[in-house]
Amino acid sequence: MLLTVLAAGAAVVLVGGGAVGWYAWNNTTYAAREAARVRKAGYVEASHVLPSGTRLTFVEGPDNGPAVLLLHAQGSAWQSYDPVLPGLADHFHVYALDVPGHGTSDRTPGRYDVAALGRDVVDFIAEVIGEPVILSGHSSGGLVAARVAAEAPDRVAAVLFEDPPFFSTDPDRAPTTFNYIDLATPAHEFLHQDAEPDFTSYYIAHNAWIGYFGGGRDGIVSYAQRYRRDHPDEPLTLWFLPPRTNESYAHLHEFDPAFADAFFTFGWQQGFDQAATLERIHQPTILVHANWRITDAGILEGAMTDDDAARACGLLTDCRIVRVDTGHGFHVEDPGRFVELMGELVRQGTVAFPSRPEQRGRVTSNFGFRTQ
């Protein structure tokens, strides 16, 4: 739910019937076209039942290098990584999973907290991947990645934090963040009403970003809710809004709103000391920090302030901040740079990856990525 995405969607101007047709085609077929490229790159979807009893859905790419595990953001799914999966497959052995409560993984209400999710990820690495990983977490996935890297350092060789909300999810600050008013609050209110059974329909009418459309708000809500009634098992796709805007709610039809409610009640990070966790991470890390601002109403639109990012990087042993000129969904907006950062992360420190026998030893800078 990014400010830049919302502004782009609100500013759409269509000229001519041909332009309208192409625009609608692009907006409604982008996901299918990206999925086709992912399949062509050799990715296969599978599932695995963890010791906790939770069944996780994941996708695995061809074995072309060190293992990478991708943890998506709240309200998303593994398919959100479609823009970067083909590029990563050239140099890595990539896994991306549906976090519990998302996609087709099990819903696990009562276990939507950093500790429980972290244990599931550690078990997944041990049982499915079987070697240390480069771990990348987007947004809330970055908080889970921090927990995993700190608690299971033998399972994590390096970390790419993609615009995680370090410190801004703490109870004293969360109520003045965009995520709290845009997703956590509507999810909480949805679970305490019975007039609307479909969370996507409820969310589209009660989120924060819909206000950016001004007088067009009611028309968008009406169209979206009709679409949901006609296509209850499909992602909500609005032909008149661009892919990056559609992607912000494309996976809500498979999302458990109890996950977002855990951010409202603060059960999400019960017992999770972010500063102490970061101090225990000694692996090479890159902290990607995307655009942010404080609104006139005092709401943080974005994951972190500059001070938050500096504080987090200062607590990490081997950290480099990469400031990017994108919205919160960096890997969607600039997939090429995301892939490049993976290569840079490998070269940032001396990272050991015990992999196939013929590749044991140190990973070198053979990937041909651009360096800063």
Protein backbone atom coordinates (compact mmCIF):
# COMPACT_ATOMS: atom_id res chain seq x y z
CA MET A 1 0.00 0.00 0.00
CA LEU A 2 2.54 2.53 -1.14
CA LEU A 3 2.20 6.27 -1.54
CA THR A 4 3.94 6.24 -4.90
CA VAL A 5 1.71 3.42 -6.13
CA LEU A 6 -1.41 5.19 -4.96
CA ALA A 7 -0.40 8.45 -6.56
CA ALA A 8 0.29 6.64 -9.82
CA GLY A 9 -3.10 4.97 -9.72
CA ALA A 10 -4.92 8.19 -8.87
CA ALA A 11 -3.21 10.12 -11.67
CA VAL A 12 -4.10 7.74 -14.50
CA VAL A 13 -5.16 9.56 -17.67
CA LEU A 14 -6.25 7.53 -20.69
CA VAL A 15 -6.16 8.93 -24.24
CA GLY A 16 -7.99 7.24 -27.12
CA GLY A 17 -9.80 3.94 -27.44
CA GLY A 18 -6.65 2.04 -28.43
CA ALA A 19 -4.80 3.31 -25.41
CA VAL A 20 -7.69 2.31 -23.18
CA GLY A 21 -7.68 -1.20 -24.61
CA TRP A 22 -3.94 -1.66 -24.18
CA TYR A 23 -4.06 -0.15 -20.70
CA ALA A 24 -6.84 -2.51 -19.58
CA TRP A 25 -5.07 -5.49 -21.15
CA ASN A 26 -1.82 -4.65 -19.37
CA ASN A 27 -3.52 -4.14 -16.02
CA THR A 28 -5.51 -7.37 -16.13
CA THR A 29 -2.91 -9.74 -17.61
CA TYR A 30 0.35 -8.68 -15.92
CA ALA A 31 0.13 -11.43 -13.28
CA ALA A 32 -0.46 -14.20 -15.82
CA ARG A 33 2.40 -12.98 -17.99
CA GLU A 34 4.79 -12.84 -15.02
CA ALA A 35 3.68 -16.31 -13.90
CA ALA A 36 4.45 -17.69 -17.36
CA ARG A 37 8.00 -16.31 -17.16
CA VAL A 38 8.44 -17.92 -13.74
CA ARG A 39 7.35 -21.32 -15.06
CA LYS A 40 9.65 -20.95 -18.07
CA ALA A 41 12.55 -20.27 -15.67
CA GLY A 42 12.01 -23.72 -14.15
CA TYR A 43 10.12 -23.00 -10.93
CA VAL A 44 7.86 -25.69 -9.47
CA GLU A 45 5.29 -25.27 -6.70
CA ALA A 46 5.13 -27.80 -3.86
CA SER A 47 4.09 -28.09 -0.21
CA HIS A 48 5.62 -29.37 3.02
CA VAL A 49 4.17 -30.17 6.45
CA LEU A 50 6.29 -28.82 9.30
CA PRO A 51 6.72 -30.38 12.78
CA SER A 52 4.20 -27.81 14.05
CA GLY A 53 1.63 -29.44 11.76
CA THR A 54 1.48 -26.39 9.51
CA ARG A 55 1.45 -27.08 5.78
CA LEU A 56 3.45 -24.54 3.81
CA THR A 57 3.14 -23.91 0.10
CA PHE A 58 6.36 -22.90 -1.61
CA VAL A 59 7.97 -22.59 -5.01
CA GLU A 60 11.46 -23.88 -5.85
CA GLY A 61 13.69 -22.88 -8.73
CA PRO A 62 16.52 -24.73 -10.48
CA ASP A 63 19.71 -25.42 -8.52
CA ASN A 64 22.05 -22.84 -10.03
CA GLY A 65 23.94 -21.67 -6.95
CA PRO A 66 23.61 -20.75 -3.27
CA ALA A 67 20.22 -21.21 -1.64
CA VAL A 68 17.99 -18.16 -1.33
CA LEU A 69 14.76 -18.03 0.70
CA LEU A 70 12.25 -15.22 0.15
CA LEU A 71 9.69 -14.19 2.79
CA HIS A 72 6.94 -11.95 1.45
CA ALA A 73 5.12 -9.07 3.12
CA GLN A 74 1.89 -9.14 5.07
CA GLY A 75 -1.17 -9.55 2.85
CA SER A 76 0.86 -10.94 -0.03
CA ALA A 77 1.99 -14.38 -1.30
CA TRP A 78 5.02 -16.00 -2.88
CA GLN A 79 3.80 -14.86 -6.31
CA SER A 80 4.62 -11.28 -5.35
CA TYR A 81 8.22 -12.25 -6.15
CA ASP A 82 7.38 -13.19 -9.75
CA PRO A 83 9.20 -10.10 -11.14
CA VAL A 84 12.53 -11.21 -9.60
CA LEU A 85 12.31 -15.01 -9.71
CA PRO A 86 13.55 -15.48 -13.30
CA GLY A 87 16.57 -13.23 -12.76
CA LEU A 88 17.48 -14.86 -9.45
CA ALA A 89 17.24 -18.34 -11.00
CA ASP A 90 20.31 -17.64 -13.15
CA HIS A 91 22.62 -17.55 -10.13
CA PHE A 92 20.86 -19.05 -7.13
CA HIS A 93 18.72 -21.95 -5.92
CA VAL A 94 15.62 -19.99 -5.00
CA TYR A 95 12.78 -20.86 -2.64
CA ALA A 96 9.81 -18.59 -1.91
CA LEU A 97 7.04 -19.63 0.45
CA ASP A 98 3.56 -18.58 1.45
CA VAL A 99 3.82 -17.43 5.06
CA PRO A 100 1.11 -19.07 7.23
CA GLY A 101 -2.15 -17.21 6.82
CA HIS A 102 -1.28 -16.31 3.23
CA GLY A 103 -1.72 -17.87 -0.18
CA THR A 104 -2.46 -21.58 0.03
CA SER A 105 -0.44 -22.25 3.18
CA ASP A 106 -2.42 -23.20 6.27
CA ARG A 107 -4.14 -20.57 8.35
CA THR A 108 -2.83 -20.71 11.91
CA PRO A 109 -4.73 -18.17 14.05
CA GLY A 110 -3.14 -17.93 17.46
CA ARG A 111 0.33 -18.44 15.95
CA TYR A 112 0.66 -15.19 14.04
CA ASP A 113 3.65 -13.88 15.95
CA VAL A 114 7.33 -13.44 15.17
CA ALA A 115 8.45 -16.32 17.39
CA ALA A 116 6.07 -18.94 15.95
CA LEU A 117 6.62 -17.84 12.35
CA GLY A 118 10.36 -17.81 12.92
CA ARG A 119 10.30 -21.40 14.16
CA ASP A 120 8.36 -22.45 11.08
CA VAL A 121 10.94 -20.82 8.81
CA VAL A 122 13.85 -22.45 10.65
CA ASP A 123 12.16 -25.86 10.32
CA PHE A 124 11.53 -25.21 6.62
CA ILE A 125 15.20 -24.42 6.02
CA ALA A 126 16.28 -27.52 7.91
CA GLU A 127 13.82 -29.97 6.37
CA VAL A 128 13.35 -28.69 2.81
CA ILE A 129 16.45 -26.68 1.88
CA GLY A 130 19.04 -28.47 3.98
CA GLU A 131 21.79 -25.83 3.78
CA PRO A 132 22.40 -22.24 4.95
CA VAL A 133 20.44 -19.67 2.99
CA ILE A 134 20.62 -16.09 1.91
CA LEU A 135 17.44 -14.94 3.62
CA SER A 136 15.41 -12.03 2.27
CA GLY A 137 12.34 -10.66 4.00
CA HIS A 138 10.07 -7.93 2.69
CA SER A 139 8.27 -5.69 5.22
CA SER A 140 6.90 -7.93 8.01
CA GLY A 141 8.86 -10.75 6.39
CA GLY A 142 11.97 -8.77 7.29
CA LEU A 143 11.08 -8.93 10.97
CA VAL A 144 10.67 -12.69 10.70
CA ALA A 145 13.99 -12.87 8.85
CA ALA A 146 15.67 -10.98 11.70
CA ARG A 147 14.30 -13.45 14.22
CA VAL A 148 15.51 -16.41 12.17
CA ALA A 149 18.98 -14.97 11.60
CA ALA A 150 19.40 -14.27 15.32
CA GLU A 151 17.95 -17.53 16.62
CA ALA A 152 19.44 -19.89 14.03
CA PRO A 153 22.70 -18.35 12.78
CA ASP A 154 23.87 -21.71 11.42
CA ARG A 155 20.89 -21.70 9.03
CA VAL A 156 21.39 -18.18 7.65
CA ALA A 157 24.52 -17.09 5.75
CA ALA A 158 23.42 -13.54 4.90
CA VAL A 159 20.30 -11.35 5.00
CA LEU A 160 18.71 -8.88 2.60
CA PHE A 161 16.21 -6.83 4.59
CA GLU A 162 13.74 -5.25 2.16
CA ASP A 163 12.24 -2.16 3.80
CA PRO A 164 11.24 -3.86 7.07
CA PRO A 165 9.32 -1.82 9.67
CA PHE A 166 12.07 -1.90 12.28
CA PHE A 167 10.86 -0.14 15.45
CA SER A 168 7.78 1.41 13.80
CA THR A 169 5.64 -1.62 14.74
CA ASP A 170 6.33 -1.13 18.45
CA PRO A 171 3.10 -0.40 20.39
CA ASP A 172 4.07 3.19 21.16
CA ARG A 173 4.44 4.01 17.45
CA ALA A 174 2.29 1.59 15.49
CA PRO A 175 -0.99 3.57 15.77
CA THR A 176 0.62 6.41 13.79
CA THR A 177 1.78 4.20 10.91
CA PHE A 178 0.04 3.68 7.59
CA ASN A 179 -0.11 -0.10 7.98
CA TYR A 180 -1.99 0.23 11.27
CA ILE A 181 -4.75 2.42 9.84
CA ASP A 182 -4.76 0.88 6.35
CA LEU A 183 -4.76 -2.88 7.10
CA ALA A 184 -4.56 -3.70 10.81
CA THR A 185 -7.56 -1.58 11.81
CA PRO A 186 -9.86 -2.72 8.95
CA ALA A 187 -8.92 -6.35 9.68
CA HIS A 188 -9.74 -5.92 13.36
CA GLU A 189 -13.05 -4.26 12.58
CA PHE A 190 -13.89 -6.89 9.94
CA LEU A 191 -13.48 -9.68 12.49
CA HIS A 192 -15.92 -7.91 14.82
CA GLN A 193 -18.78 -7.47 12.33
CA ASP A 194 -21.00 -9.88 10.45
CA ALA A 195 -22.56 -7.74 7.71
CA GLU A 196 -19.82 -8.40 5.10
CA PRO A 197 -18.39 -11.95 4.88
CA ASP A 198 -15.71 -11.18 2.29
CA PHE A 199 -12.59 -9.52 3.67
CA THR A 200 -11.43 -8.16 0.31
CA SER A 201 -14.78 -6.40 -0.22
CA TYR A 202 -14.66 -5.01 3.32
CA TYR A 203 -11.07 -3.89 2.98
CA ILE A 204 -11.57 -2.08 -0.33
CA ALA A 205 -14.19 0.11 1.34
CA HIS A 206 -12.40 0.72 4.64
CA ASN A 207 -8.70 1.01 3.89
CA ALA A 208 -6.71 4.23 4.09
CA TRP A 209 -5.38 4.50 0.55
CA ILE A 210 -8.84 4.62 -1.08
CA GLY A 211 -9.11 8.19 0.19
CA TYR A 212 -6.44 9.27 -2.29
CA PHE A 213 -8.98 8.83 -5.08
CA GLY A 214 -11.16 11.63 -3.78
CA GLY A 215 -14.49 11.81 -5.59
CA GLY A 216 -13.73 8.61 -7.47
CA ARG A 217 -13.71 6.58 -4.27
CA ASP A 218 -17.33 5.42 -4.29
CA GLY A 219 -17.20 4.30 -7.91
CA ILE A 220 -14.06 2.25 -7.30
CA VAL A 221 -15.53 0.61 -4.19
CA SER A 222 -18.79 -0.22 -5.96
CA TYR A 223 -17.01 -1.73 -8.96
CA ALA A 224 -14.60 -3.72 -6.77
CA GLN A 225 -17.36 -5.17 -4.61
CA ARG A 226 -19.36 -6.22 -7.69
CA TYR A 227 -16.23 -7.86 -9.07
CA ARG A 228 -15.76 -9.81 -5.86
CA ARG A 229 -19.37 -11.02 -5.93
CA ASP A 230 -18.94 -12.19 -9.53
CA HIS A 231 -15.44 -13.67 -9.02
CA PRO A 232 -15.29 -14.85 -5.38
CA ASP A 233 -12.38 -17.27 -5.94
CA GLU A 234 -10.20 -14.95 -8.01
CA PRO A 235 -7.88 -12.07 -7.16
CA LEU A 236 -9.47 -8.64 -7.26
CA THR A 237 -8.26 -7.03 -10.50
CA LEU A 238 -9.37 -3.52 -11.41
CA TRP A 239 -8.77 -2.89 -15.11
CA PHE A 240 -8.53 0.88 -14.66
CA LEU A 241 -5.67 0.75 -12.12
CA PRO A 242 -2.03 -0.12 -12.90
CA PRO A 243 -0.33 -3.40 -11.93
CA ARG A 244 1.47 -2.00 -8.89
CA THR A 245 -1.83 -0.82 -7.45
CA ASN A 246 -3.60 -4.08 -8.27
CA GLU A 247 -0.75 -6.02 -6.68
CA SER A 248 -1.39 -4.32 -3.34
CA TYR A 249 -4.63 -6.29 -2.88
CA ALA A 250 -4.17 -9.14 -5.39
CA HIS A 251 -3.66 -11.77 -2.69
CA LEU A 252 -6.22 -10.65 -0.12
CA HIS A 253 -8.76 -13.27 -1.22
CA GLU A 254 -6.40 -15.90 0.29
CA PHE A 255 -5.34 -13.83 3.30
CA ASP A 256 -6.38 -14.53 6.88
CA PRO A 257 -7.36 -11.14 8.39
CA ALA A 258 -6.45 -12.54 11.81
CA PHE A 259 -2.82 -12.11 10.73
CA ALA A 260 -3.32 -8.35 10.32
CA ASP A 261 -5.36 -8.24 13.53
CA ALA A 262 -2.25 -9.43 15.37
CA PHE A 263 -0.66 -6.09 14.40
CA PHE A 264 -3.68 -4.25 15.84
CA THR A 265 -3.56 -6.14 19.14
CA PHE A 266 0.26 -6.21 19.17
CA GLY A 267 0.22 -9.97 19.60
CA TRP A 268 2.39 -10.08 16.45
CA GLN A 269 5.55 -9.17 18.33
CA GLN A 270 4.79 -10.27 21.86
CA GLY A 271 8.14 -10.79 23.56
CA PHE A 272 10.03 -9.68 20.44
CA ASP A 273 12.75 -7.18 21.35
CA GLN A 274 13.83 -5.77 18.01
CA ALA A 275 16.99 -4.05 19.21
CA ALA A 276 18.23 -7.09 21.12
CA THR A 277 17.46 -9.30 18.12
CA LEU A 278 19.39 -7.10 15.70
CA GLU A 279 22.40 -7.05 18.01
CA ARG A 280 22.59 -10.85 17.72
CA ILE A 281 22.81 -10.86 13.91
CA HIS A 282 26.43 -11.12 12.80
CA GLN A 283 25.92 -12.29 9.21
CA PRO A 284 26.50 -9.88 6.30
CA THR A 285 23.35 -7.81 5.77
CA ILE A 286 21.98 -5.23 3.38
CA LEU A 287 19.16 -3.03 4.65
CA VAL A 288 17.08 -1.66 1.78
CA HIS A 289 15.31 1.56 2.75
CA ALA A 290 12.57 2.84 0.46
CA ASN A 291 10.78 6.19 0.31
CA TRP A 292 8.83 7.42 3.31
CA ARG A 293 7.21 10.56 4.64
CA ILE A 294 5.31 11.85 7.65
CA THR A 295 1.91 13.25 6.64
CA ASP A 296 0.39 16.44 8.00
CA ALA A 297 -1.67 14.19 10.27
CA GLY A 298 1.51 12.69 11.70
CA ILE A 299 1.17 9.30 9.96
CA LEU A 300 4.29 7.48 8.81
CA GLU A 301 3.74 6.45 5.20
CA GLY A 302 6.47 3.91 4.65
CA ALA A 303 8.20 1.32 6.80
CA MET A 304 10.94 3.31 8.54
CA THR A 305 12.26 6.79 9.00
CA ASP A 306 15.90 7.54 8.24
CA ASP A 307 16.58 7.42 11.98
CA ASP A 308 14.98 3.98 12.24
CA ALA A 309 17.10 2.63 9.40
CA ALA A 310 20.30 4.12 10.83
CA ARG A 311 19.53 2.71 14.26
CA ALA A 312 18.82 -0.76 12.88
CA CYS A 313 21.97 -0.83 10.75
CA GLY A 314 24.03 0.40 13.69
CA LEU A 315 22.88 -2.56 15.78
CA LEU A 316 23.76 -5.10 13.08
CA THR A 317 27.36 -6.30 13.03
CA ASP A 318 27.96 -6.17 9.26
CA CYS A 319 25.35 -3.92 7.68
CA ARG A 320 25.09 -1.64 4.67
CA ILE A 321 22.10 0.61 4.01
CA VAL A 322 20.95 0.89 0.41
CA ARG A 323 18.59 3.82 -0.07
CA VAL A 324 16.25 3.27 -3.03
CA ASP A 325 13.95 5.71 -4.79
CA THR A 326 10.91 3.43 -4.87
CA GLY A 327 7.84 2.74 -2.83
CA HIS A 328 7.61 -0.03 -0.26
CA GLY A 329 7.50 -2.77 -2.90
CA PHE A 330 11.10 -2.36 -4.03
CA HIS A 331 11.45 -5.82 -5.63
CA VAL A 332 8.31 -5.19 -7.70
CA GLU A 333 9.26 -1.67 -8.78
CA ASP A 334 12.95 -2.34 -9.46
CA PRO A 335 13.42 -6.12 -9.89
CA GLY A 336 16.76 -5.77 -11.65
CA ARG A 337 18.29 -3.88 -8.74
CA PHE A 338 16.91 -6.42 -6.28
CA VAL A 339 18.70 -9.21 -8.14
CA GLU A 340 21.89 -7.16 -8.24
CA LEU A 341 21.76 -6.63 -4.47
CA MET A 342 21.65 -10.37 -3.92
CA GLY A 343 24.95 -10.68 -5.75
CA GLU A 344 26.41 -7.72 -3.88
CA LEU A 345 25.36 -9.27 -0.58
CA VAL A 346 27.30 -12.44 -1.36
CA ARG A 347 30.40 -10.34 -1.98
CA GLN A 348 29.85 -8.04 1.01
CA GLY A 349 31.57 -10.49 3.35
CA THR A 350 33.30 -13.82 3.24
CA VAL A 351 30.19 -15.98 3.11
CA ALA A 352 30.50 -19.75 3.22
CA PHE A 353 27.87 -21.84 1.43
CA PRO A 354 28.31 -25.61 1.88
CA SER A 355 26.42 -26.77 -1.19
CA ARG A 356 27.01 -29.50 -3.75
CA PRO A 357 30.39 -31.27 -3.34
CA GLU A 358 31.88 -29.71 -6.49
CA GLN A 359 30.95 -26.24 -5.21
CA ARG A 360 32.04 -26.47 -1.58
CA GLY A 361 34.14 -23.59 -0.31
CA ARG A 362 33.78 -19.86 -0.66
CA VAL A 363 31.40 -18.08 -2.96
CA THR A 364 33.34 -15.66 -5.13
CA SER A 365 32.32 -12.68 -7.22
CA ASN A 366 31.67 -14.65 -10.40
CA PHE A 367 28.05 -13.59 -10.82
CA GLY A 368 28.66 -10.54 -12.99
CA PHE A 369 26.35 -8.27 -10.98
CA ARG A 370 26.91 -4.55 -11.03
CA THR A 371 28.67 -3.27 -7.91
CA GLN A 372 28.17 0.11 -6.27
